[in-house]
Structures are given as structure tokens and as C-alpha cells.
All heavy atoms as atom14 arrays in JSON, in Angstrom:
{
  "sequence": "ECLSNSTDVICEASFTYDGNYCAVDILKKEKDGYA",
  "atom14_mask": [
    [1, 1, 1, 1, 1, 1, 1, 1, 1, 0, 0, 0, 0, 0],
    [1, 1, 1, 1, 1, 1, 0, 0, 0, 0, 0, 0, 0, 0],
    [1, 1, 1, 1, 1, 1, 1, 1, 0, 0, 0, 0, 0, 0],
    [1, 1, 1, 1, 1, 1, 0, 0, 0, 0, 0, 0, 0, 0],
    [1, 1, 1, 1, 1, 1, 1, 1, 0, 0, 0, 0, 0, 0],
    [1, 1, 1, 1, 1, 1, 0, 0, 0, 0, 0, 0, 0, 0],
    [1, 1, 1, 1, 1, 1, 1, 0, 0, 0, 0, 0, 0, 0],
    [1, 1, 1, 1, 1, 1, 1, 1, 0, 0, 0, 0, 0, 0],
    [1, 1, 1, 1, 1, 1, 1, 0, 0, 0, 0, 0, 0, 0],
    [1, 1, 1, 1, 1, 1, 1, 1, 0, 0, 0, 0, 0, 0],
    [1, 1, 1, 1, 1, 1, 0, 0, 0, 0, 0, 0, 0, 0],
    [1, 1, 1, 1, 1, 1, 1, 1, 1, 0, 0, 0, 0, 0],
    [1, 1, 1, 1, 1, 0, 0, 0, 0, 0, 0, 0, 0, 0],
    [1, 1, 1, 1, 1, 1, 0, 0, 0, 0, 0, 0, 0, 0],
    [1, 1, 1, 1, 1, 1, 1, 1, 1, 1, 1, 0, 0, 0],
    [1, 1, 1, 1, 1, 1, 1, 0, 0, 0, 0, 0, 0, 0],
    [1, 1, 1, 1, 1, 1, 1, 1, 1, 1, 1, 1, 0, 0],
    [1, 1, 1, 1, 1, 1, 1, 1, 0, 0, 0, 0, 0, 0],
    [1, 1, 1, 1, 0, 0, 0, 0, 0, 0, 0, 0, 0, 0],
    [1, 1, 1, 1, 1, 1, 1, 1, 0, 0, 0, 0, 0, 0],
    [1, 1, 1, 1, 1, 1, 1, 1, 1, 1, 1, 1, 0, 0],
    [1, 1, 1, 1, 1, 1, 0, 0, 0, 0, 0, 0, 0, 0],
    [1, 1, 1, 1, 1, 0, 0, 0, 0, 0, 0, 0, 0, 0],
    [1, 1, 1, 1, 1, 1, 1, 0, 0, 0, 0, 0, 0, 0],
    [1, 1, 1, 1, 1, 1, 1, 1, 0, 0, 0, 0, 0, 0],
    [1, 1, 1, 1, 1, 1, 1, 1, 0, 0, 0, 0, 0, 0],
    [1, 1, 1, 1, 1, 1, 1, 1, 0, 0, 0, 0, 0, 0],
    [1, 1, 1, 1, 1, 1, 1, 1, 1, 0, 0, 0, 0, 0],
    [1, 1, 1, 1, 1, 1, 1, 1, 1, 0, 0, 0, 0, 0],
    [1, 1, 1, 1, 1, 1, 1, 1, 1, 0, 0, 0, 0, 0],
    [1, 1, 1, 1, 1, 1, 1, 1, 1, 0, 0, 0, 0, 0],
    [1, 1, 1, 1, 1, 1, 1, 1, 0, 0, 0, 0, 0, 0],
    [1, 1, 1, 1, 0, 0, 0, 0, 0, 0, 0, 0, 0, 0],
    [1, 1, 1, 1, 1, 1, 1, 1, 1, 1, 1, 1, 0, 0],
    [1, 1, 1, 1, 1, 0, 0, 0, 0, 0, 0, 0, 0, 0]
  ],
  "atom14_positions": [
    [[11.1, -16.33, 9.26], [10.05, -15.32, 9.29], [8.84, -15.82, 10.08], [8.26, -15.08, 10.9], [9.65, -14.95, 7.86], [8.57, -13.9, 7.75], [8.15, -13.65, 6.32], [8.95, -13.91, 5.4], [6.99, -13.21, 6.12], [0.0, 0.0, 0.0], [0.0, 0.0, 0.0], [0.0, 0.0, 0.0], [0.0, 0.0, 0.0], [0.0, 0.0, 0.0]],
    [[8.47, -17.09, 9.85], [7.33, -17.67, 10.59], [7.62, -17.75, 12.08], [6.75, -17.49, 12.92], [7.01, -19.06, 10.04], [6.26, -19.06, 8.4], [0.0, 0.0, 0.0], [0.0, 0.0, 0.0], [0.0, 0.0, 0.0], [0.0, 0.0, 0.0], [0.0, 0.0, 0.0], [0.0, 0.0, 0.0], [0.0, 0.0, 0.0], [0.0, 0.0, 0.0]],
    [[8.87, -18.1, 12.43], [9.23, -18.18, 13.84], [9.16, -16.8, 14.49], [8.69, -16.66, 15.63], [10.64, -18.77, 13.98], [10.8, -20.24, 13.58], [12.27, -20.63, 13.59], [10.01, -21.15, 14.51], [0.0, 0.0, 0.0], [0.0, 0.0, 0.0], [0.0, 0.0, 0.0], [0.0, 0.0, 0.0], [0.0, 0.0, 0.0], [0.0, 0.0, 0.0]],
    [[9.59, -15.79, 13.76], [9.54, -14.42, 14.28], [8.09, -13.97, 14.49], [7.79, -13.2, 15.41], [10.25, -13.46, 13.33], [11.62, -13.79, 13.21], [0.0, 0.0, 0.0], [0.0, 0.0, 0.0], [0.0, 0.0, 0.0], [0.0, 0.0, 0.0], [0.0, 0.0, 0.0], [0.0, 0.0, 0.0], [0.0, 0.0, 0.0], [0.0, 0.0, 0.0]],
    [[7.21, -14.46, 13.65], [5.79, -14.09, 13.72], [4.99, -15.01, 14.65], [3.76, -14.88, 14.72], [5.17, -14.1, 12.32], [5.76, -13.04, 11.42], [6.25, -12.02, 11.89], [5.72, -13.29, 10.11], [0.0, 0.0, 0.0], [0.0, 0.0, 0.0], [0.0, 0.0, 0.0], [0.0, 0.0, 0.0], [0.0, 0.0, 0.0], [0.0, 0.0, 0.0]],
    [[5.68, -15.95, 15.31], [5.03, -16.91, 16.22], [3.92, -17.69, 15.52], [2.83, -17.92, 16.07], [4.47, -16.19, 17.45], [5.5, -15.63, 18.21], [0.0, 0.0, 0.0], [0.0, 0.0, 0.0], [0.0, 0.0, 0.0], [0.0, 0.0, 0.0], [0.0, 0.0, 0.0], [0.0, 0.0, 0.0], [0.0, 0.0, 0.0], [0.0, 0.0, 0.0]],
    [[4.2, -18.1, 14.3], [3.23, -18.91, 13.55], [2.97, -20.22, 14.3], [3.91, -20.89, 14.75], [3.77, -19.2, 12.13], [4.02, -17.96, 11.48], [2.78, -20.03, 11.33], [0.0, 0.0, 0.0], [0.0, 0.0, 0.0], [0.0, 0.0, 0.0], [0.0, 0.0, 0.0], [0.0, 0.0, 0.0], [0.0, 0.0, 0.0], [0.0, 0.0, 0.0]],
    [[1.71, -20.61, 14.43], [1.36, -21.8, 15.22], [1.8, -23.11, 14.56], [2.27, -24.02, 15.25], [-0.14, -21.83, 15.47], [-0.58, -20.8, 16.5], [0.27, -20.4, 17.33], [-1.75, -20.39, 16.46], [0.0, 0.0, 0.0], [0.0, 0.0, 0.0], [0.0, 0.0, 0.0], [0.0, 0.0, 0.0], [0.0, 0.0, 0.0], [0.0, 0.0, 0.0]],
    [[1.59, -23.23, 13.26], [1.92, -24.48, 12.56], [2.71, -24.14, 11.3], [2.21, -23.41, 10.43], [0.65, -25.28, 12.19], [1.03, -26.57, 11.48], [-0.18, -25.58, 13.42], [0.0, 0.0, 0.0], [0.0, 0.0, 0.0], [0.0, 0.0, 0.0], [0.0, 0.0, 0.0], [0.0, 0.0, 0.0], [0.0, 0.0, 0.0], [0.0, 0.0, 0.0]],
    [[3.92, -24.68, 11.2], [4.78, -24.48, 10.04], [5.02, -25.83, 9.39], [5.51, -26.76, 10.06], [6.12, -23.84, 10.41], [5.92, -22.63, 11.33], [6.89, -23.43, 9.16], [7.22, -22.1, 11.93], [0.0, 0.0, 0.0], [0.0, 0.0, 0.0], [0.0, 0.0, 0.0], [0.0, 0.0, 0.0], [0.0, 0.0, 0.0], [0.0, 0.0, 0.0]],
    [[4.7, -25.95, 8.13], [4.91, -27.21, 7.41], [6.14, -27.1, 6.52], [6.34, -26.07, 5.85], [3.67, -27.56, 6.58], [2.22, -27.87, 7.6], [0.0, 0.0, 0.0], [0.0, 0.0, 0.0], [0.0, 0.0, 0.0], [0.0, 0.0, 0.0], [0.0, 0.0, 0.0], [0.0, 0.0, 0.0], [0.0, 0.0, 0.0], [0.0, 0.0, 0.0]],
    [[6.95, -28.15, 6.53], [8.24, -28.18, 5.83], [9.2, -27.14, 6.41], [10.08, -26.62, 5.7], [8.07, -27.98, 4.32], [7.23, -29.04, 3.64], [7.82, -30.44, 3.79], [9.06, -30.59, 3.81], [7.02, -31.4, 3.9], [0.0, 0.0, 0.0], [0.0, 0.0, 0.0], [0.0, 0.0, 0.0], [0.0, 0.0, 0.0], [0.0, 0.0, 0.0]],
    [[9.04, -26.86, 7.7], [9.93, -25.91, 8.37], [11.38, -26.33, 8.18], [11.75, -27.48, 8.48], [9.58, -25.85, 9.86], [0.0, 0.0, 0.0], [0.0, 0.0, 0.0], [0.0, 0.0, 0.0], [0.0, 0.0, 0.0], [0.0, 0.0, 0.0], [0.0, 0.0, 0.0], [0.0, 0.0, 0.0], [0.0, 0.0, 0.0], [0.0, 0.0, 0.0]],
    [[12.22, -25.4, 7.7], [13.56, -25.75, 7.24], [14.64, -25.07, 8.06], [14.54, -23.87, 8.36], [13.71, -25.38, 5.76], [12.75, -26.08, 4.99], [0.0, 0.0, 0.0], [0.0, 0.0, 0.0], [0.0, 0.0, 0.0], [0.0, 0.0, 0.0], [0.0, 0.0, 0.0], [0.0, 0.0, 0.0], [0.0, 0.0, 0.0], [0.0, 0.0, 0.0]],
    [[15.68, -25.84, 8.39], [16.75, -25.35, 9.27], [18.09, -25.84, 8.77], [18.2, -26.92, 8.16], [16.53, -25.86, 10.7], [15.24, -25.43, 11.32], [14.07, -26.15, 11.11], [15.18, -24.29, 12.1], [12.88, -25.75, 11.68], [13.98, -23.88, 12.68], [12.83, -24.61, 12.47], [0.0, 0.0, 0.0], [0.0, 0.0, 0.0], [0.0, 0.0, 0.0]],
    [[19.11, -25.06, 9.07], [20.47, -25.48, 8.75], [21.37, -25.17, 9.94], [21.19, -24.16, 10.65], [21.01, -24.77, 7.49], [22.31, -25.29, 7.17], [21.08, -23.27, 7.67], [0.0, 0.0, 0.0], [0.0, 0.0, 0.0], [0.0, 0.0, 0.0], [0.0, 0.0, 0.0], [0.0, 0.0, 0.0], [0.0, 0.0, 0.0], [0.0, 0.0, 0.0]],
    [[22.34, -26.06, 10.16], [23.31, -25.86, 11.23], [24.63, -26.47, 10.78], [24.68, -27.66, 10.43], [22.86, -26.51, 12.54], [23.95, -26.57, 13.58], [24.31, -25.42, 14.29], [24.64, -27.75, 13.83], [25.33, -25.45, 15.23], [25.66, -27.8, 14.78], [26.01, -26.65, 15.46], [27.03, -26.68, 16.38], [0.0, 0.0, 0.0], [0.0, 0.0, 0.0]],
    [[25.66, -25.65, 10.76], [27.0, -26.11, 10.4], [27.01, -26.82, 9.05], [27.69, -27.84, 8.87], [27.55, -27.03, 11.5], [29.06, -27.21, 11.41], [29.73, -26.35, 10.79], [29.57, -28.23, 11.93], [0.0, 0.0, 0.0], [0.0, 0.0, 0.0], [0.0, 0.0, 0.0], [0.0, 0.0, 0.0], [0.0, 0.0, 0.0], [0.0, 0.0, 0.0]],
    [[26.19, -26.31, 8.12], [26.14, -26.89, 6.78], [25.19, -28.06, 6.64], [24.97, -28.56, 5.54], [0.0, 0.0, 0.0], [0.0, 0.0, 0.0], [0.0, 0.0, 0.0], [0.0, 0.0, 0.0], [0.0, 0.0, 0.0], [0.0, 0.0, 0.0], [0.0, 0.0, 0.0], [0.0, 0.0, 0.0], [0.0, 0.0, 0.0], [0.0, 0.0, 0.0]],
    [[24.61, -28.52, 7.75], [23.66, -29.64, 7.72], [22.23, -29.09, 7.67], [21.97, -27.96, 8.09], [23.85, -30.53, 8.94], [25.28, -31.02, 9.04], [25.83, -31.56, 8.08], [25.91, -30.8, 10.19], [0.0, 0.0, 0.0], [0.0, 0.0, 0.0], [0.0, 0.0, 0.0], [0.0, 0.0, 0.0], [0.0, 0.0, 0.0], [0.0, 0.0, 0.0]],
    [[21.31, -29.93, 7.19], [19.97, -29.41, 6.88], [18.9, -30.43, 7.25], [19.11, -31.65, 7.19], [19.89, -29.11, 5.38], [18.5, -28.83, 4.86], [17.95, -27.56, 4.97], [17.74, -29.84, 4.26], [16.66, -27.29, 4.51], [16.45, -29.58, 3.79], [15.93, -28.31, 3.92], [14.66, -28.06, 3.47], [0.0, 0.0, 0.0], [0.0, 0.0, 0.0]],
    [[17.71, -29.91, 7.61], [16.54, -30.78, 7.69], [15.29, -29.94, 7.49], [15.27, -28.73, 7.77], [16.47, -31.56, 9.0], [15.83, -30.64, 10.4], [0.0, 0.0, 0.0], [0.0, 0.0, 0.0], [0.0, 0.0, 0.0], [0.0, 0.0, 0.0], [0.0, 0.0, 0.0], [0.0, 0.0, 0.0], [0.0, 0.0, 0.0], [0.0, 0.0, 0.0]],
    [[14.25, -30.58, 6.99], [12.92, -29.98, 6.87], [11.98, -30.8, 7.73], [11.94, -32.04, 7.62], [12.46, -29.96, 5.42], [0.0, 0.0, 0.0], [0.0, 0.0, 0.0], [0.0, 0.0, 0.0], [0.0, 0.0, 0.0], [0.0, 0.0, 0.0], [0.0, 0.0, 0.0], [0.0, 0.0, 0.0], [0.0, 0.0, 0.0], [0.0, 0.0, 0.0]],
    [[11.22, -30.15, 8.58], [10.29, -30.81, 9.5], [8.92, -30.84, 8.84], [8.41, -29.81, 8.4], [10.22, -30.06, 10.84], [9.21, -30.71, 11.77], [11.6, -30.01, 11.48], [0.0, 0.0, 0.0], [0.0, 0.0, 0.0], [0.0, 0.0, 0.0], [0.0, 0.0, 0.0], [0.0, 0.0, 0.0], [0.0, 0.0, 0.0], [0.0, 0.0, 0.0]],
    [[8.32, -32.01, 8.78], [7.0, -32.12, 8.14], [6.0, -31.15, 8.76], [5.35, -30.37, 8.05], [6.47, -33.56, 8.26], [7.26, -34.53, 7.4], [7.91, -34.08, 6.44], [7.21, -35.75, 7.68], [0.0, 0.0, 0.0], [0.0, 0.0, 0.0], [0.0, 0.0, 0.0], [0.0, 0.0, 0.0], [0.0, 0.0, 0.0], [0.0, 0.0, 0.0]],
    [[5.86, -31.23, 10.07], [4.96, -30.3, 10.78], [5.66, -29.84, 12.06], [6.06, -30.67, 12.88], [3.62, -30.97, 11.14], [2.92, -31.5, 9.89], [2.71, -29.99, 11.88], [1.67, -32.31, 10.2], [0.0, 0.0, 0.0], [0.0, 0.0, 0.0], [0.0, 0.0, 0.0], [0.0, 0.0, 0.0], [0.0, 0.0, 0.0], [0.0, 0.0, 0.0]],
    [[5.83, -28.53, 12.2], [6.39, -27.96, 13.42], [5.27, -27.17, 14.1], [4.79, -26.17, 13.57], [7.57, -27.04, 13.08], [8.4, -26.53, 14.27], [9.12, -27.69, 14.95], [9.42, -25.48, 13.81], [0.0, 0.0, 0.0], [0.0, 0.0, 0.0], [0.0, 0.0, 0.0], [0.0, 0.0, 0.0], [0.0, 0.0, 0.0], [0.0, 0.0, 0.0]],
    [[4.86, -27.62, 15.28], [3.69, -27.05, 15.96], [4.12, -26.31, 17.22], [4.83, -26.86, 18.07], [2.71, -28.18, 16.32], [1.42, -27.71, 16.98], [0.47, -28.89, 17.17], [-0.83, -28.46, 17.83], [-0.61, -28.12, 19.25], [0.0, 0.0, 0.0], [0.0, 0.0, 0.0], [0.0, 0.0, 0.0], [0.0, 0.0, 0.0], [0.0, 0.0, 0.0]],
    [[3.68, -25.05, 17.33], [4.04, -24.22, 18.48], [3.34, -24.72, 19.74], [2.15, -25.0, 19.74], [3.66, -22.76, 18.21], [4.28, -21.76, 19.17], [3.94, -20.34, 18.75], [4.72, -19.32, 19.57], [4.61, -19.52, 21.01], [0.0, 0.0, 0.0], [0.0, 0.0, 0.0], [0.0, 0.0, 0.0], [0.0, 0.0, 0.0], [0.0, 0.0, 0.0]],
    [[4.11, -24.86, 20.8], [3.58, -25.25, 22.1], [3.91, -24.15, 23.13], [4.58, -23.17, 22.79], [4.19, -26.59, 22.55], [3.97, -27.74, 21.57], [2.54, -28.24, 21.58], [1.76, -27.81, 22.45], [2.2, -29.06, 20.7], [0.0, 0.0, 0.0], [0.0, 0.0, 0.0], [0.0, 0.0, 0.0], [0.0, 0.0, 0.0], [0.0, 0.0, 0.0]],
    [[3.5, -24.35, 24.35], [3.69, -23.33, 25.39], [5.16, -22.99, 25.59], [5.53, -21.81, 25.7], [3.06, -23.8, 26.71], [3.2, -22.81, 27.85], [2.57, -23.35, 29.12], [2.73, -22.36, 30.27], [2.15, -22.87, 31.54], [0.0, 0.0, 0.0], [0.0, 0.0, 0.0], [0.0, 0.0, 0.0], [0.0, 0.0, 0.0], [0.0, 0.0, 0.0]],
    [[6.0, -24.01, 25.65], [7.41, -23.79, 25.97], [8.34, -24.01, 24.78], [9.55, -24.11, 24.95], [7.84, -24.71, 27.12], [7.03, -24.45, 28.38], [6.8, -23.27, 28.69], [6.64, -25.43, 29.04], [0.0, 0.0, 0.0], [0.0, 0.0, 0.0], [0.0, 0.0, 0.0], [0.0, 0.0, 0.0], [0.0, 0.0, 0.0], [0.0, 0.0, 0.0]],
    [[7.81, -24.16, 23.6], [8.66, -24.4, 22.45], [7.87, -24.93, 21.28], [6.75, -24.47, 21.01], [0.0, 0.0, 0.0], [0.0, 0.0, 0.0], [0.0, 0.0, 0.0], [0.0, 0.0, 0.0], [0.0, 0.0, 0.0], [0.0, 0.0, 0.0], [0.0, 0.0, 0.0], [0.0, 0.0, 0.0], [0.0, 0.0, 0.0], [0.0, 0.0, 0.0]],
    [[8.43, -25.94, 20.62], [7.78, -26.5, 19.44], [7.83, -28.04, 19.49], [8.79, -28.63, 20.01], [8.49, -26.04, 18.16], [8.22, -24.59, 17.82], [8.99, -23.58, 18.38], [7.19, -24.24, 16.95], [8.74, -22.24, 18.08], [6.94, -22.91, 16.63], [7.72, -21.92, 17.2], [7.48, -20.6, 16.9], [0.0, 0.0, 0.0], [0.0, 0.0, 0.0]],
    [[6.8, -28.65, 18.92], [6.75, -30.11, 18.79], [6.96, -30.48, 17.33], [6.49, -29.8, 16.41], [5.42, -30.66, 19.27], [0.0, 0.0, 0.0], [0.0, 0.0, 0.0], [0.0, 0.0, 0.0], [0.0, 0.0, 0.0], [0.0, 0.0, 0.0], [0.0, 0.0, 0.0], [0.0, 0.0, 0.0], [0.0, 0.0, 0.0], [0.0, 0.0, 0.0]]
  ]
}
């Protein structure tokens, strides 16, 4: 939801791929993507 809303800073941003998981401490929106 935050990604869809172009939220600038997401804390504990959570993702899953092929059953694997990670939470990012701080995901910060940049010009061409995220840091």
C-alpha cells in the first residue's frame, strides 16, 4: 500500500519472494527507485 502511494520513507518494509522473506529497517524513496 505504501509503495502504491509513493510513500517516501517506509520502516520495516516487508517483502516476500518464493516463500522467502525480509523486512527492511528503512526503505527510502529515491529518484530512480529505493535505497
